Amino acid sequence: MVLIKTILTFSLILLTTVGFSQQASQNRKEKEQKKVKIFTSEENDNLQRFYYEEVDKMKLSKAEREKYYNILLYHTYDMSRLDDKDKDYTETEITEKFNTIVDKMNAKMKAWLTADQYVMHLEIFGKIVYSVNRKRDLNKNKE
């Protein structure tokens, strides 16, 4: 009897988990369809390579590099979702929200990077922001 209850409980948990994962997968697909892509895959690869090479110059330890990228990815994910089609933000709202996220990210970076590393971070990230803005402007002019 205990074996049957265990099997039924396990089956129920498995079915529930599968149901939730399918729902999460569907939500992910819907979110991906609403995402606005600014760069091509090749351009993304080039930007990532550039960023990696520049961060390498900061001479971070493995643990520091991991912390740096964790902070960076946490905030850049939020930044990348600001112009999603389902957000319906105005350009002004996007800019304000973007600047708020950048300020939060930079505050975290400044708290643990050395002064020289922080300056390098600002320069590197500034180049990325410039590239994004330039590409967005080019895409707007095409429309």
C-alpha atoms as a PDB file:
ATOM      1  CA  MET A   1       0.000   0.000   0.000  1.00  0.00           C
ATOM      2  CA  VAL A   2       2.833   2.390   0.873  1.00  0.00           C
ATOM      3  CA  LEU A   3       4.534   1.569  -2.418  1.00  0.00           C
ATOM      4  CA  ILE A   4       1.384   2.476  -4.373  1.00  0.00           C
ATOM      5  CA  LYS A   5       1.030   5.803  -2.506  1.00  0.00           C
ATOM      6  CA  THR A   6       4.685   6.568  -3.162  1.00  0.00           C
ATOM      7  CA  ILE A   7       4.325   5.804  -6.849  1.00  0.00           C
ATOM      8  CA  LEU A   8       1.137   7.882  -7.107  1.00  0.00           C
ATOM      9  CA  THR A   9       2.764  10.791  -5.265  1.00  0.00           C
ATOM     10  CA  PHE A  10       5.852  10.617  -7.467  1.00  0.00           C
ATOM     11  CA  SER A  11       3.668  10.464 -10.600  1.00  0.00           C
ATOM     12  CA  LEU A  12       1.658  13.490  -9.475  1.00  0.00           C
ATOM     13  CA  ILE A  13       4.836  15.468  -8.792  1.00  0.00           C
ATOM     14  CA  LEU A  14       6.266  14.471 -12.172  1.00  0.00           C
ATOM     15  CA  LEU A  15       3.093  15.463 -14.029  1.00  0.00           C
ATOM     16  CA  THR A  16       2.913  18.788 -12.198  1.00  0.00           C
ATOM     17  CA  THR A  17       6.557  19.527 -12.980  1.00  0.00           C
ATOM     18  CA  VAL A  18       6.092  18.692 -16.656  1.00  0.00           C
ATOM     19  CA  GLY A  19       3.007  20.912 -16.812  1.00  0.00           C
ATOM     20  CA  PHE A  20       4.817  23.867 -15.245  1.00  0.00           C
ATOM     21  CA  SER A  21       7.861  23.440 -17.493  1.00  0.00           C
ATOM     22  CA  GLN A  22       5.657  23.419 -20.592  1.00  0.00           C
ATOM     23  CA  GLN A  23       3.950  26.607 -19.406  1.00  0.00           C
ATOM     24  CA  ALA A  24       7.320  28.218 -18.699  1.00  0.00           C
ATOM     25  CA  SER A  25       8.542  27.177 -22.143  1.00  0.00           C
ATOM     26  CA  GLN A  26       5.459  28.722 -23.754  1.00  0.00           C
ATOM     27  CA  ASN A  27       5.963  31.946 -21.771  1.00  0.00           C
ATOM     28  CA  ARG A  28       9.602  32.039 -22.875  1.00  0.00           C
ATOM     29  CA  LYS A  29       8.576  31.648 -26.526  1.00  0.00           C
ATOM     30  CA  GLU A  30       6.024  34.458 -26.239  1.00  0.00           C
ATOM     31  CA  LYS A  31       8.564  36.723 -24.576  1.00  0.00           C
ATOM     32  CA  GLU A  32      11.137  35.940 -27.280  1.00  0.00           C
ATOM     33  CA  GLN A  33       8.643  36.910 -30.000  1.00  0.00           C
ATOM     34  CA  LYS A  34       8.139  40.313 -28.368  1.00  0.00           C
ATOM     35  CA  LYS A  35      11.865  40.957 -28.061  1.00  0.00           C
ATOM     36  CA  VAL A  36      13.385  43.554 -30.340  1.00  0.00           C
ATOM     37  CA  LYS A  37      16.735  42.508 -31.788  1.00  0.00           C
ATOM     38  CA  ILE A  38      19.085  45.360 -32.580  1.00  0.00           C
ATOM     39  CA  PHE A  39      22.173  43.446 -33.697  1.00  0.00           C
ATOM     40  CA  THR A  40      22.664  40.505 -36.012  1.00  0.00           C
ATOM     41  CA  SER A  41      24.222  37.345 -34.585  1.00  0.00           C
ATOM     42  CA  GLU A  42      27.570  38.269 -36.120  1.00  0.00           C
ATOM     43  CA  GLU A  43      27.443  41.774 -34.647  1.00  0.00           C
ATOM     44  CA  ASN A  44      26.555  40.309 -31.243  1.00  0.00           C
ATOM     45  CA  ASP A  45      29.502  37.935 -31.479  1.00  0.00           C
ATOM     46  CA  ASN A  46      31.841  40.799 -32.353  1.00  0.00           C
ATOM     47  CA  LEU A  47      30.587  42.923 -29.450  1.00  0.00           C
ATOM     48  CA  GLN A  48      30.965  40.037 -27.020  1.00  0.00           C
ATOM     49  CA  ARG A  49      34.497  39.320 -28.260  1.00  0.00           C
ATOM     50  CA  PHE A  50      35.396  43.011 -27.967  1.00  0.00           C
ATOM     51  CA  TYR A  51      33.962  43.182 -24.450  1.00  0.00           C
ATOM     52  CA  TYR A  52      35.778  40.028 -23.369  1.00  0.00           C
ATOM     53  CA  GLU A  53      39.101  41.329 -24.683  1.00  0.00           C
ATOM     54  CA  GLU A  54      38.622  44.696 -23.001  1.00  0.00           C
ATOM     55  CA  VAL A  55      37.609  43.155 -19.662  1.00  0.00           C
ATOM     56  CA  ASP A  56      40.696  40.961 -19.925  1.00  0.00           C
ATOM     57  CA  LYS A  57      42.774  44.148 -19.704  1.00  0.00           C
ATOM     58  CA  MET A  58      41.246  44.825 -16.285  1.00  0.00           C
ATOM     59  CA  LYS A  59      43.346  41.940 -14.872  1.00  0.00           C
ATOM     60  CA  LEU A  60      40.526  40.489 -12.793  1.00  0.00           C
ATOM     61  CA  SER A  61      40.987  37.197 -10.991  1.00  0.00           C
ATOM     62  CA  LYS A  62      38.728  34.332 -11.999  1.00  0.00           C
ATOM     63  CA  ALA A  63      36.392  35.016  -9.064  1.00  0.00           C
ATOM     64  CA  GLU A  64      36.383  38.773  -9.756  1.00  0.00           C
ATOM     65  CA  ARG A  65      35.671  38.178 -13.448  1.00  0.00           C
ATOM     66  CA  GLU A  66      32.757  35.927 -12.524  1.00  0.00           C
ATOM     67  CA  LYS A  67      31.381  38.559 -10.138  1.00  0.00           C
ATOM     68  CA  TYR A  68      31.852  41.268 -12.775  1.00  0.00           C
ATOM     69  CA  TYR A  69      29.976  39.309 -15.418  1.00  0.00           C
ATOM     70  CA  ASN A  70      27.208  38.356 -12.993  1.00  0.00           C
ATOM     71  CA  ILE A  71      26.564  42.014 -12.180  1.00  0.00           C
ATOM     72  CA  LEU A  72      26.859  42.996 -15.828  1.00  0.00           C
ATOM     73  CA  LEU A  73      24.520  40.296 -17.125  1.00  0.00           C
ATOM     74  CA  TYR A  74      21.948  40.901 -14.412  1.00  0.00           C
ATOM     75  CA  HIS A  75      21.635  44.543 -15.426  1.00  0.00           C
ATOM     76  CA  THR A  76      22.129  44.236 -19.183  1.00  0.00           C
ATOM     77  CA  TYR A  77      19.304  41.701 -19.357  1.00  0.00           C
ATOM     78  CA  ASP A  78      16.963  44.313 -17.883  1.00  0.00           C
ATOM     79  CA  MET A  79      18.332  46.917 -20.285  1.00  0.00           C
ATOM     80  CA  SER A  80      17.818  44.672 -23.295  1.00  0.00           C
ATOM     81  CA  ARG A  81      14.143  44.186 -22.464  1.00  0.00           C
ATOM     82  CA  LEU A  82      13.258  47.894 -22.250  1.00  0.00           C
ATOM     83  CA  ASP A  83      12.240  48.224 -25.903  1.00  0.00           C
ATOM     84  CA  ASP A  84      10.303  44.974 -26.140  1.00  0.00           C
ATOM     85  CA  LYS A  85       7.112  45.332 -28.116  1.00  0.00           C
ATOM     86  CA  ASP A  86       4.945  44.424 -25.125  1.00  0.00           C
ATOM     87  CA  LYS A  87       6.432  47.188 -22.931  1.00  0.00           C
ATOM     88  CA  ASP A  88       5.128  50.045 -25.072  1.00  0.00           C
ATOM     89  CA  TYR A  89       7.523  52.552 -23.469  1.00  0.00           C
ATOM     90  CA  THR A  90       8.158  55.895 -25.115  1.00  0.00           C
ATOM     91  CA  GLU A  91      11.711  56.787 -26.108  1.00  0.00           C
ATOM     92  CA  THR A  92      11.909  59.095 -23.092  1.00  0.00           C
ATOM     93  CA  GLU A  93      10.767  56.329 -20.728  1.00  0.00           C
ATOM     94  CA  ILE A  94      13.271  53.887 -22.237  1.00  0.00           C
ATOM     95  CA  THR A  95      16.084  56.403 -21.775  1.00  0.00           C
ATOM     96  CA  GLU A  96      15.099  57.165 -18.181  1.00  0.00           C
ATOM     97  CA  LYS A  97      14.772  53.491 -17.230  1.00  0.00           C
ATOM     98  CA  PHE A  98      18.014  52.657 -19.034  1.00  0.00           C
ATOM     99  CA  ASN A  99      19.915  55.381 -17.168  1.00  0.00           C
ATOM    100  CA  THR A 100      18.485  54.164 -13.855  1.00  0.00           C
ATOM    101  CA  ILE A 101      19.656  50.606 -14.550  1.00  0.00           C
ATOM    102  CA  VAL A 102      23.110  51.821 -15.635  1.00  0.00           C
ATOM    103  CA  ASP A 103      23.423  53.907 -12.469  1.00  0.00           C
ATOM    104  CA  LYS A 104      22.559  50.898 -10.299  1.00  0.00           C
ATOM    105  CA  MET A 105      25.014  48.700 -12.169  1.00  0.00           C
ATOM    106  CA  ASN A 106      27.800  51.263 -11.962  1.00  0.00           C
ATOM    107  CA  ALA A 107      27.222  51.748  -8.231  1.00  0.00           C
ATOM    108  CA  LYS A 108      27.678  48.009  -7.688  1.00  0.00           C
ATOM    109  CA  MET A 109      30.779  47.963  -9.885  1.00  0.00           C
ATOM    110  CA  LYS A 110      32.312  50.969  -8.152  1.00  0.00           C
ATOM    111  CA  ALA A 111      31.807  49.371  -4.742  1.00  0.00           C
ATOM    112  CA  TRP A 112      34.242  46.541  -5.387  1.00  0.00           C
ATOM    113  CA  LEU A 113      36.416  47.379  -8.411  1.00  0.00           C
ATOM    114  CA  THR A 114      39.620  49.326  -7.956  1.00  0.00           C
ATOM    115  CA  ALA A 115      39.561  52.917  -9.194  1.00  0.00           C
ATOM    116  CA  ASP A 116      41.496  51.976 -12.352  1.00  0.00           C
ATOM    117  CA  GLN A 117      39.271  48.975 -13.048  1.00  0.00           C
ATOM    118  CA  TYR A 118      36.165  51.079 -12.539  1.00  0.00           C
ATOM    119  CA  VAL A 119      37.395  53.682 -15.030  1.00  0.00           C
ATOM    120  CA  MET A 120      38.081  50.876 -17.509  1.00  0.00           C
ATOM    121  CA  HIS A 121      34.581  49.488 -16.920  1.00  0.00           C
ATOM    122  CA  LEU A 122      33.052  52.915 -17.621  1.00  0.00           C
ATOM    123  CA  GLU A 123      35.058  53.262 -20.830  1.00  0.00           C
ATOM    124  CA  ILE A 124      34.234  49.762 -22.079  1.00  0.00           C
ATOM    125  CA  PHE A 125      30.564  49.980 -21.231  1.00  0.00           C
ATOM    126  CA  GLY A 126      30.403  53.468 -22.724  1.00  0.00           C
ATOM    127  CA  LYS A 127      31.617  52.065 -26.048  1.00  0.00           C
ATOM    128  CA  ILE A 128      28.918  49.394 -25.947  1.00  0.00           C
ATOM    129  CA  VAL A 129      26.223  51.970 -25.169  1.00  0.00           C
ATOM    130  CA  TYR A 130      27.493  54.100 -28.047  1.00  0.00           C
ATOM    131  CA  SER A 131      27.254  51.098 -30.396  1.00  0.00           C
ATOM    132  CA  VAL A 132      23.725  50.293 -29.258  1.00  0.00           C
ATOM    133  CA  ASN A 133      22.564  53.904 -29.665  1.00  0.00           C
ATOM    134  CA  ARG A 134      24.179  54.186 -33.069  1.00  0.00           C
ATOM    135  CA  LYS A 135      22.581  50.963 -34.264  1.00  0.00           C
ATOM    136  CA  ARG A 136      19.161  51.983 -32.910  1.00  0.00           C
ATOM    137  CA  ASP A 137      19.449  55.320 -34.719  1.00  0.00           C
ATOM    138  CA  LEU A 138      20.383  53.566 -37.971  1.00  0.00           C
ATOM    139  CA  ASN A 139      17.443  51.194 -37.590  1.00  0.00           C
ATOM    140  CA  LYS A 140      15.058  54.106 -36.944  1.00  0.00           C
ATOM    141  CA  ASN A 141      16.250  55.891 -40.072  1.00  0.00           C
ATOM    142  CA  LYS A 142      15.515  52.753 -42.133  1.00  0.00           C
ATOM    143  CA  GLU A 143      11.898  52.729 -40.956  1.00  0.00           C
END
